């Protein structure tokens, strides 16, 4: 099993990378809208990669916090977390909030 120090370091890298990436992405989308549109229109796969990374971070953060608070990360917890995240994504995509 991985030690608590690994999970604590990973937690901060995920927070810094996730929040920093979102801030940079929003900044460029706001200030350079034409450049972002032309960049992603030719490279749609890159936009899909950005969405995949965002979803991974959305799942990884709760799992890291559960691991650090309870000390165990079993398959039931992972499945429950993935189910909750999928339900939230489905709910917000259907209600368009």
Foldseek 3Di string as FASTA:
>chain_A
DDDLVVLVVVLVVLVCVQVVVVVVVVVCCVPVVVVVVVVCVVPVVVVVVVVVSNLVSVLVNVQSVCCNVVVDRDPVNSVVSVVVSVVVVVVCVVVVD
